[in-house]
């Protein structure tokens, strides 16, 4: 019984760490690159426009999609590690 609680606590801790990591990347890309660092990224051209504008319009969305797939992949690995696979 105590082993199950320890296993569940470790699983939850790893899950929360993964969620916070994804949220940190999300915040950096959406708020940092698209708003705060936009003037610094203005000189770098991507697709005919500056990098700051690109992050605000397309880069953030693409990063969010990548984060979704990354989270699903890591959760599958985490489930396998803790014996909760399908």
PDB file of N, CA and C in Angstrom:
ATOM      1  N   UNK A   1       0.823  -1.196   0.000  1.00  0.00           N
ATOM      2  CA  UNK A   1       0.000   0.000   0.000  1.00  0.00           C
ATOM      3  C   UNK A   1       0.864   1.254   0.000  1.00  0.00           C
ATOM      4  N   UNK A   2       1.884   1.279   0.857  1.00  0.00           N
ATOM      5  CA  UNK A   2       2.764   2.448   0.924  1.00  0.00           C
ATOM      6  C   UNK A   2       3.556   2.598  -0.366  1.00  0.00           C
ATOM      7  N   UNK A   3       3.905   1.452  -0.996  1.00  0.00           N
ATOM      8  CA  UNK A   3       4.644   1.494  -2.255  1.00  0.00           C
ATOM      9  C   UNK A   3       3.796   2.113  -3.365  1.00  0.00           C
ATOM     10  N   UNK A   4       2.483   1.813  -3.378  1.00  0.00           N
ATOM     11  CA  UNK A   4       1.585   2.400  -4.365  1.00  0.00           C
ATOM     12  C   UNK A   4       1.483   3.910  -4.200  1.00  0.00           C
ATOM     13  N   UNK A   5       1.430   4.375  -2.953  1.00  0.00           N
ATOM     14  CA  UNK A   5       1.362   5.817  -2.700  1.00  0.00           C
ATOM     15  C   UNK A   5       2.655   6.511  -3.103  1.00  0.00           C
ATOM     16  N   UNK A   6       3.787   5.869  -2.839  1.00  0.00           N
ATOM     17  CA  UNK A   6       5.073   6.431  -3.236  1.00  0.00           C
ATOM     18  C   UNK A   6       5.183   6.497  -4.749  1.00  0.00           C
ATOM     19  N   UNK A   7       4.738   5.439  -5.421  1.00  0.00           N
ATOM     20  CA  UNK A   7       4.757   5.399  -6.883  1.00  0.00           C
ATOM     21  C   UNK A   7       3.837   6.470  -7.471  1.00  0.00           C
ATOM     22  N   UNK A   8       2.664   6.617  -6.887  1.00  0.00           N
ATOM     23  CA  UNK A   8       1.716   7.631  -7.364  1.00  0.00           C
ATOM     24  C   UNK A   8       2.254   9.036  -7.128  1.00  0.00           C
ATOM     25  N   UNK A   9       2.909   9.261  -6.011  1.00  0.00           N
ATOM     26  CA  UNK A   9       3.479  10.580  -5.718  1.00  0.00           C
ATOM     27  C   UNK A   9       4.615  10.908  -6.689  1.00  0.00           C
ATOM     28  N   UNK A  10       5.451   9.915  -6.999  1.00  0.00           N
ATOM     29  CA  UNK A  10       6.548  10.139  -7.949  1.00  0.00           C
ATOM     30  C   UNK A  10       6.009  10.401  -9.352  1.00  0.00           C
ATOM     31  N   UNK A  11       4.961   9.674  -9.732  1.00  0.00           N
ATOM     32  CA  UNK A  11       4.325   9.884 -11.036  1.00  0.00           C
ATOM     33  C   UNK A  11       3.743  11.293 -11.128  1.00  0.00           C
ATOM     34  N   UNK A  12       3.043  11.711 -10.101  1.00  0.00           N
ATOM     35  CA  UNK A  12       2.433  13.036 -10.095  1.00  0.00           C
ATOM     36  C   UNK A  12       3.496  14.126 -10.111  1.00  0.00           C
ATOM     37  N   UNK A  13       4.580  13.930  -9.373  1.00  0.00           N
ATOM     38  CA  UNK A  13       5.666  14.910  -9.344  1.00  0.00           C
ATOM     39  C   UNK A  13       6.299  15.059 -10.732  1.00  0.00           C
ATOM     40  N   UNK A  14       6.521  13.933 -11.408  1.00  0.00           N
ATOM     41  CA  UNK A  14       7.087  13.984 -12.761  1.00  0.00           C
ATOM     42  C   UNK A  14       6.114  14.636 -13.733  1.00  0.00           C
ATOM     43  N   UNK A  15       4.828  14.365 -13.570  1.00  0.00           N
ATOM     44  CA  UNK A  15       3.802  14.957 -14.424  1.00  0.00           C
ATOM     45  C   UNK A  15       3.754  16.476 -14.236  1.00  0.00           C
ATOM     46  N   UNK A  16       3.760  16.923 -13.010  1.00  0.00           N
ATOM     47  CA  UNK A  16       3.708  18.367 -12.726  1.00  0.00           C
ATOM     48  C   UNK A  16       4.966  19.064 -13.235  1.00  0.00           C
ATOM     49  N   UNK A  17       6.114  18.418 -13.095  1.00  0.00           N
ATOM     50  CA  UNK A  17       7.366  18.991 -13.603  1.00  0.00           C
ATOM     51  C   UNK A  17       7.291  19.156 -15.130  1.00  0.00           C
ATOM     52  N   UNK A  18       6.737  18.158 -15.821  1.00  0.00           N
ATOM     53  CA  UNK A  18       6.568  18.231 -17.269  1.00  0.00           C
ATOM     54  C   UNK A  18       5.607  19.356 -17.658  1.00  0.00           C
ATOM     55  N   UNK A  19       4.516  19.486 -16.922  1.00  0.00           N
ATOM     56  CA  UNK A  19       3.546  20.547 -17.198  1.00  0.00           C
ATOM     57  C   UNK A  19       4.180  21.920 -17.006  1.00  0.00           C
ATOM     58  N   UNK A  20       4.912  22.113 -15.924  1.00  0.00           N
ATOM     59  CA  UNK A  20       5.560  23.410 -15.686  1.00  0.00           C
ATOM     60  C   UNK A  20       6.625  23.709 -16.732  1.00  0.00           C
ATOM     61  N   UNK A  21       7.336  22.694 -17.189  1.00  0.00           N
ATOM     62  CA  UNK A  21       8.314  22.894 -18.257  1.00  0.00           C
ATOM     63  C   UNK A  21       7.649  23.354 -19.548  1.00  0.00           C
ATOM     64  N   UNK A  22       6.550  22.708 -19.897  1.00  0.00           N
ATOM     65  CA  UNK A  22       5.811  23.109 -21.099  1.00  0.00           C
ATOM     66  C   UNK A  22       5.234  24.509 -20.945  1.00  0.00           C
ATOM     67  N   UNK A  23       4.731  24.830 -19.769  1.00  0.00           N
ATOM     68  CA  UNK A  23       4.208  26.170 -19.532  1.00  0.00           C
ATOM     69  C   UNK A  23       5.302  27.232 -19.607  1.00  0.00           C
ATOM     70  N   UNK A  24       6.501  26.898 -19.151  1.00  0.00           N
ATOM     71  CA  UNK A  24       7.610  27.858 -19.230  1.00  0.00           C
ATOM     72  C   UNK A  24       7.981  28.132 -20.683  1.00  0.00           C
ATOM     73  N   UNK A  25       8.040  27.093 -21.504  1.00  0.00           N
ATOM     74  CA  UNK A  25       8.321  27.290 -22.926  1.00  0.00           C
ATOM     75  C   UNK A  25       7.207  28.103 -23.564  1.00  0.00           C
ATOM     76  N   UNK A  26       5.967  27.760 -23.258  1.00  0.00           N
ATOM     77  CA  UNK A  26       4.815  28.485 -23.794  1.00  0.00           C
ATOM     78  C   UNK A  26       4.873  29.969 -23.426  1.00  0.00           C
ATOM     79  N   UNK A  27       5.162  30.277 -22.176  1.00  0.00           N
ATOM     80  CA  UNK A  27       5.219  31.673 -21.724  1.00  0.00           C
ATOM     81  C   UNK A  27       6.380  32.411 -22.390  1.00  0.00           C
ATOM     82  N   UNK A  28       7.531  31.758 -22.502  1.00  0.00           N
ATOM     83  CA  UNK A  28       8.680  32.402 -23.123  1.00  0.00           C
ATOM     84  C   UNK A  28       8.406  32.740 -24.581  1.00  0.00           C
ATOM     85  N   UNK A  29       7.822  31.803 -25.309  1.00  0.00           N
ATOM     86  CA  UNK A  29       7.574  32.036 -26.729  1.00  0.00           C
ATOM     87  C   UNK A  29       6.463  33.051 -26.935  1.00  0.00           C
ATOM     88  N   UNK A  30       5.345  32.884 -26.242  1.00  0.00           N
ATOM     89  CA  UNK A  30       4.202  33.767 -26.499  1.00  0.00           C
ATOM     90  C   UNK A  30       4.389  35.158 -25.913  1.00  0.00           C
ATOM     91  N   UNK A  31       4.921  35.243 -24.712  1.00  0.00           N
ATOM     92  CA  UNK A  31       5.072  36.543 -24.065  1.00  0.00           C
ATOM     93  C   UNK A  31       6.458  37.130 -24.304  1.00  0.00           C
ATOM     94  N   UNK A  32       7.474  36.298 -24.178  1.00  0.00           N
ATOM     95  CA  UNK A  32       8.846  36.785 -24.307  1.00  0.00           C
ATOM     96  C   UNK A  32       9.214  37.149 -25.730  1.00  0.00           C
ATOM     97  N   UNK A  33       9.166  36.152 -26.624  1.00  0.00           N
ATOM     98  CA  UNK A  33       9.603  36.392 -28.003  1.00  0.00           C
ATOM     99  C   UNK A  33       8.646  37.291 -28.770  1.00  0.00           C
ATOM    100  N   UNK A  34       7.351  37.151 -28.532  1.00  0.00           N
ATOM    101  CA  UNK A  34       6.373  37.903 -29.311  1.00  0.00           C
ATOM    102  C   UNK A  34       6.143  39.314 -28.779  1.00  0.00           C
ATOM    103  N   UNK A  35       6.410  39.578 -27.501  1.00  0.00           N
ATOM    104  CA  UNK A  35       6.113  40.900 -26.936  1.00  0.00           C
ATOM    105  C   UNK A  35       7.366  41.566 -26.379  1.00  0.00           C
ATOM    106  N   UNK A  36       7.994  40.948 -25.389  1.00  0.00           N
ATOM    107  CA  UNK A  36       9.108  41.597 -24.699  1.00  0.00           C
ATOM    108  C   UNK A  36      10.355  41.741 -25.562  1.00  0.00           C
ATOM    109  N   UNK A  37      10.722  40.679 -26.271  1.00  0.00           N
ATOM    110  CA  UNK A  37      11.961  40.695 -27.049  1.00  0.00           C
ATOM    111  C   UNK A  37      11.733  41.063 -28.509  1.00  0.00           C
ATOM    112  N   UNK A  38      10.532  41.511 -28.862  1.00  0.00           N
ATOM    113  CA  UNK A  38      10.243  41.843 -30.252  1.00  0.00           C
ATOM    114  C   UNK A  38      11.188  42.897 -30.807  1.00  0.00           C
ATOM    115  N   UNK A  39      11.489  43.987 -30.084  1.00  0.00           N
ATOM    116  CA  UNK A  39      12.435  44.963 -30.642  1.00  0.00           C
ATOM    117  C   UNK A  39      13.830  44.379 -30.890  1.00  0.00           C
ATOM    118  N   UNK A  40      14.248  43.443 -30.046  1.00  0.00           N
ATOM    119  CA  UNK A  40      15.553  42.823 -30.239  1.00  0.00           C
ATOM    120  C   UNK A  40      15.571  41.885 -31.443  1.00  0.00           C
ATOM    121  N   UNK A  41      14.433  41.298 -31.762  1.00  0.00           N
ATOM    122  CA  UNK A  41      14.332  40.353 -32.873  1.00  0.00           C
ATOM    123  C   UNK A  41      13.959  41.022 -34.187  1.00  0.00           C
ATOM    124  N   UNK A  42      13.806  42.342 -34.182  1.00  0.00           N
ATOM    125  CA  UNK A  42      13.331  43.061 -35.365  1.00  0.00           C
ATOM    126  C   UNK A  42      14.322  43.010 -36.524  1.00  0.00           C
ATOM    127  N   UNK A  43      15.600  42.878 -36.254  1.00  0.00           N
ATOM    128  CA  UNK A  43      16.590  42.885 -37.322  1.00  0.00           C
ATOM    129  C   UNK A  43      16.766  41.556 -38.033  1.00  0.00           C
ATOM    130  N   UNK A  44      16.198  40.484 -37.502  1.00  0.00           N
ATOM    131  CA  UNK A  44      16.349  39.150 -38.090  1.00  0.00           C
ATOM    132  C   UNK A  44      15.148  38.879 -38.986  1.00  0.00           C
ATOM    133  N   UNK A  45      15.415  38.646 -40.260  1.00  0.00           N
ATOM    134  CA  UNK A  45      14.328  38.418 -41.215  1.00  0.00           C
ATOM    135  C   UNK A  45      14.010  36.935 -41.352  1.00  0.00           C
ATOM    136  N   UNK A  46      12.725  36.613 -41.314  1.00  0.00           N
ATOM    137  CA  UNK A  46      12.228  35.253 -41.515  1.00  0.00           C
ATOM    138  C   UNK A  46      11.001  35.351 -42.409  1.00  0.00           C
ATOM    139  N   UNK A  47      11.066  34.731 -43.562  1.00  0.00           N
ATOM    140  CA  UNK A  47       9.906  34.725 -44.463  1.00  0.00           C
ATOM    141  C   UNK A  47       9.469  36.106 -44.915  1.00  0.00           C
ATOM    142  N   UNK A  48      10.373  37.042 -45.042  1.00  0.00           N
ATOM    143  CA  UNK A  48      10.039  38.374 -45.512  1.00  0.00           C
ATOM    144  C   UNK A  48       9.616  39.342 -44.423  1.00  0.00           C
ATOM    145  N   UNK A  49       9.608  38.918 -43.192  1.00  0.00           N
ATOM    146  CA  UNK A  49       9.239  39.797 -42.085  1.00  0.00           C
ATOM    147  C   UNK A  49      10.221  39.583 -40.929  1.00  0.00           C
ATOM    148  N   UNK A  50      10.170  40.450 -39.942  1.00  0.00           N
ATOM    149  CA  UNK A  50      11.116  40.289 -38.837  1.00  0.00           C
ATOM    150  C   UNK A  50      10.685  39.155 -37.910  1.00  0.00           C
ATOM    151  N   UNK A  51      11.658  38.624 -37.178  1.00  0.00           N
ATOM    152  CA  UNK A  51      11.436  37.439 -36.343  1.00  0.00           C
ATOM    153  C   UNK A  51      10.440  37.687 -35.214  1.00  0.00           C
ATOM    154  N   UNK A  52      10.438  38.876 -34.630  1.00  0.00           N
ATOM    155  CA  UNK A  52       9.484  39.188 -33.563  1.00  0.00           C
ATOM    156  C   UNK A  52       8.048  39.138 -34.050  1.00  0.00           C
ATOM    157  N   UNK A  53       7.794  39.715 -35.219  1.00  0.00           N
ATOM    158  CA  UNK A  53       6.449  39.667 -35.800  1.00  0.00           C
ATOM    159  C   UNK A  53       6.076  38.231 -36.153  1.00  0.00           C
ATOM    160  N   UNK A  54       7.048  37.482 -36.685  1.00  0.00           N
ATOM    161  CA  UNK A  54       6.785  36.095 -37.057  1.00  0.00           C
ATOM    162  C   UNK A  54       6.387  35.280 -35.830  1.00  0.00           C
ATOM    163  N   UNK A  55       7.085  35.467 -34.694  1.00  0.00           N
ATOM    164  CA  UNK A  55       6.721  34.759 -33.463  1.00  0.00           C
ATOM    165  C   UNK A  55       5.327  35.147 -33.008  1.00  0.00           C
ATOM    166  N   UNK A  56       4.993  36.419 -33.114  1.00  0.00           N
ATOM    167  CA  UNK A  56       3.675  36.868 -32.664  1.00  0.00           C
ATOM    168  C   UNK A  56       2.561  36.295 -33.534  1.00  0.00           C
ATOM    169  N   UNK A  57       2.820  36.119 -34.823  1.00  0.00           N
ATOM    170  CA  UNK A  57       1.759  35.693 -35.728  1.00  0.00           C
ATOM    171  C   UNK A  57       1.737  34.188 -35.992  1.00  0.00           C
ATOM    172  N   UNK A  58       2.896  33.589 -36.233  1.00  0.00           N
ATOM    173  CA  UNK A  58       2.920  32.182 -36.623  1.00  0.00           C
ATOM    174  C   UNK A  58       3.769  31.312 -35.705  1.00  0.00           C
ATOM    175  N   UNK A  59       4.872  31.841 -35.247  1.00  0.00           N
ATOM    176  CA  UNK A  59       5.800  31.049 -34.446  1.00  0.00           C
ATOM    177  C   UNK A  59       5.196  30.543 -33.156  1.00  0.00           C
ATOM    178  N   UNK A  60       4.390  31.361 -32.520  1.00  0.00           N
ATOM    179  CA  UNK A  60       3.749  30.942 -31.272  1.00  0.00           C
ATOM    180  C   UNK A  60       2.799  29.778 -31.512  1.00  0.00           C
ATOM    181  N   UNK A  61       2.024  29.856 -32.567  1.00  0.00           N
ATOM    182  CA  UNK A  61       1.067  28.794 -32.868  1.00  0.00           C
ATOM    183  C   UNK A  61       1.794  27.497 -33.190  1.00  0.00           C
ATOM    184  N   UNK A  62       2.845  27.584 -34.005  1.00  0.00           N
ATOM    185  CA  UNK A  62       3.609  26.382 -34.337  1.00  0.00           C
ATOM    186  C   UNK A  62       4.279  25.790 -33.107  1.00  0.00           C
ATOM    187  N   UNK A  63       4.778  26.655 -32.226  1.00  0.00           N
ATOM    188  CA  UNK A  63       5.387  26.178 -30.987  1.00  0.00           C
ATOM    189  C   UNK A  63       4.361  25.483 -30.107  1.00  0.00           C
ATOM    190  N   UNK A  64       3.149  26.007 -30.033  1.00  0.00           N
ATOM    191  CA  UNK A  64       2.098  25.383 -29.230  1.00  0.00           C
ATOM    192  C   UNK A  64       1.756  23.997 -29.774  1.00  0.00           C
ATOM    193  N   UNK A  65       1.691  23.851 -31.091  1.00  0.00           N
ATOM    194  CA  UNK A  65       1.398  22.551 -31.692  1.00  0.00           C
ATOM    195  C   UNK A  65       2.514  21.558 -31.372  1.00  0.00           C
ATOM    196  N   UNK A  66       3.761  22.006 -31.470  1.00  0.00           N
ATOM    197  CA  UNK A  66       4.898  21.144 -31.121  1.00  0.00           C
ATOM    198  C   UNK A  66       4.831  20.754 -29.644  1.00  0.00           C
ATOM    199  N   UNK A  67       4.458  21.693 -28.780  1.00  0.00           N
ATOM    200  CA  UNK A  67       4.334  21.396 -27.352  1.00  0.00           C
ATOM    201  C   UNK A  67       3.264  20.337 -27.082  1.00  0.00           C
ATOM    202  N   UNK A  68       2.177  20.358 -27.813  1.00  0.00           N
ATOM    203  CA  UNK A  68       1.123  19.361 -27.638  1.00  0.00           C
ATOM    204  C   UNK A  68       1.652  17.968 -27.942  1.00  0.00           C
ATOM    205  N   UNK A  69       2.340  17.828 -29.074  1.00  0.00           N
ATOM    206  CA  UNK A  69       2.880  16.526 -29.440  1.00  0.00           C
ATOM    207  C   UNK A  69       4.001  16.093 -28.491  1.00  0.00           C
ATOM    208  N   UNK A  70       4.831  17.048 -28.059  1.00  0.00           N
ATOM    209  CA  UNK A  70       5.891  16.737 -27.108  1.00  0.00           C
ATOM    210  C   UNK A  70       5.304  16.249 -25.785  1.00  0.00           C
ATOM    211  N   UNK A  71       4.254  16.920 -25.303  1.00  0.00           N
ATOM    212  CA  UNK A  71       3.629  16.521 -24.044  1.00  0.00           C
ATOM    213  C   UNK A  71       3.030  15.117 -24.151  1.00  0.00           C
ATOM    214  N   UNK A  72       2.357  14.840 -25.248  1.00  0.00           N
ATOM    215  CA  UNK A  72       1.765  13.507 -25.433  1.00  0.00           C
ATOM    216  C   UNK A  72       2.842  12.437 -25.491  1.00  0.00           C
ATOM    217  N   UNK A  73       3.937  12.708 -26.192  1.00  0.00           N
ATOM    218  CA  UNK A  73       5.039  11.751 -26.287  1.00  0.00           C
ATOM    219  C   UNK A  73       5.669  11.499 -24.922  1.00  0.00           C
ATOM    220  N   UNK A  74       5.953  12.573 -24.166  1.00  0.00           N
ATOM    221  CA  UNK A  74       6.577  12.427 -22.851  1.00  0.00           C
ATOM    222  C   UNK A  74       5.642  11.737 -21.860  1.00  0.00           C
ATOM    223  N   UNK A  75       4.348  12.019 -21.935  1.00  0.00           N
ATOM    224  CA  UNK A  75       3.408  11.353 -21.026  1.00  0.00           C
ATOM    225  C   UNK A  75       3.333   9.859 -21.322  1.00  0.00           C
ATOM    226  N   UNK A  76       3.402   9.474 -22.593  1.00  0.00           N
ATOM    227  CA  UNK A  76       3.432   8.047 -22.919  1.00  0.00           C
ATOM    228  C   UNK A  76       4.675   7.393 -22.336  1.00  0.00           C
ATOM    229  N   UNK A  77       5.828   8.069 -22.429  1.00  0.00           N
ATOM    230  CA  UNK A  77       7.057   7.542 -21.840  1.00  0.00           C
ATOM    231  C   UNK A  77       6.937   7.460 -20.317  1.00  0.00           C
ATOM    232  N   UNK A  78       6.326   8.471 -19.723  1.00  0.00           N
ATOM    233  CA  UNK A  78       6.141   8.491 -18.274  1.00  0.00           C
ATOM    234  C   UNK A  78       5.195   7.371 -17.825  1.00  0.00           C
ATOM    235  N   UNK A  79       4.130   7.146 -18.586  1.00  0.00           N
ATOM    236  CA  UNK A  79       3.207   6.059 -18.272  1.00  0.00           C
ATOM    237  C   UNK A  79       3.914   4.703 -18.336  1.00  0.00           C
ATOM    238  N   UNK A  80       4.755   4.520 -19.358  1.00  0.00           N
ATOM    239  CA  UNK A  80       5.503   3.267 -19.457  1.00  0.00           C
ATOM    240  C   UNK A  80       6.465   3.088 -18.292  1.00  0.00           C
ATOM    241  N   UNK A  81       7.101   4.184 -17.893  1.00  0.00           N
ATOM    242  CA  UNK A  81       8.075   4.123 -16.799  1.00  0.00           C
ATOM    243  C   UNK A  81       7.419   3.682 -15.490  1.00  0.00           C
ATOM    244  N   UNK A  82       6.202   4.153 -15.252  1.00  0.00           N
ATOM    245  CA  UNK A  82       5.513   3.844 -13.997  1.00  0.00           C
ATOM    246  C   UNK A  82       4.518   2.680 -14.147  1.00  0.00           C
ATOM    247  N   UNK A  83       4.574   1.982 -15.268  1.00  0.00           N
ATOM    248  CA  UNK A  83       3.723   0.797 -15.446  1.00  0.00           C
ATOM    249  C   UNK A  83       2.260   1.134 -15.662  1.00  0.00           C
ATOM    250  N   UNK A  84       1.982   2.259 -16.264  1.00  0.00           N
ATOM    251  CA  UNK A  84       0.604   2.662 -16.515  1.00  0.00           C
ATOM    252  C   UNK A  84       0.289   2.704 -18.006  1.00  0.00           C
ATOM    253  N   UNK A  85       1.103   2.027 -18.820  1.00  0.00           N
ATOM    254  CA  UNK A  85       0.903   2.023 -20.264  1.00  0.00           C
ATOM    255  C   UNK A  85      -0.417   1.367 -20.651  1.00  0.00           C
ATOM    256  N   UNK A  86      -0.780   1.618 -21.879  1.00  0.00           N
ATOM    257  CA  UNK A  86      -2.063   1.088 -22.363  1.00  0.00           C
ATOM    258  C   UNK A  86      -2.017  -0.396 -22.576  1.00  0.00           C
TER     259      UNK A  86
END
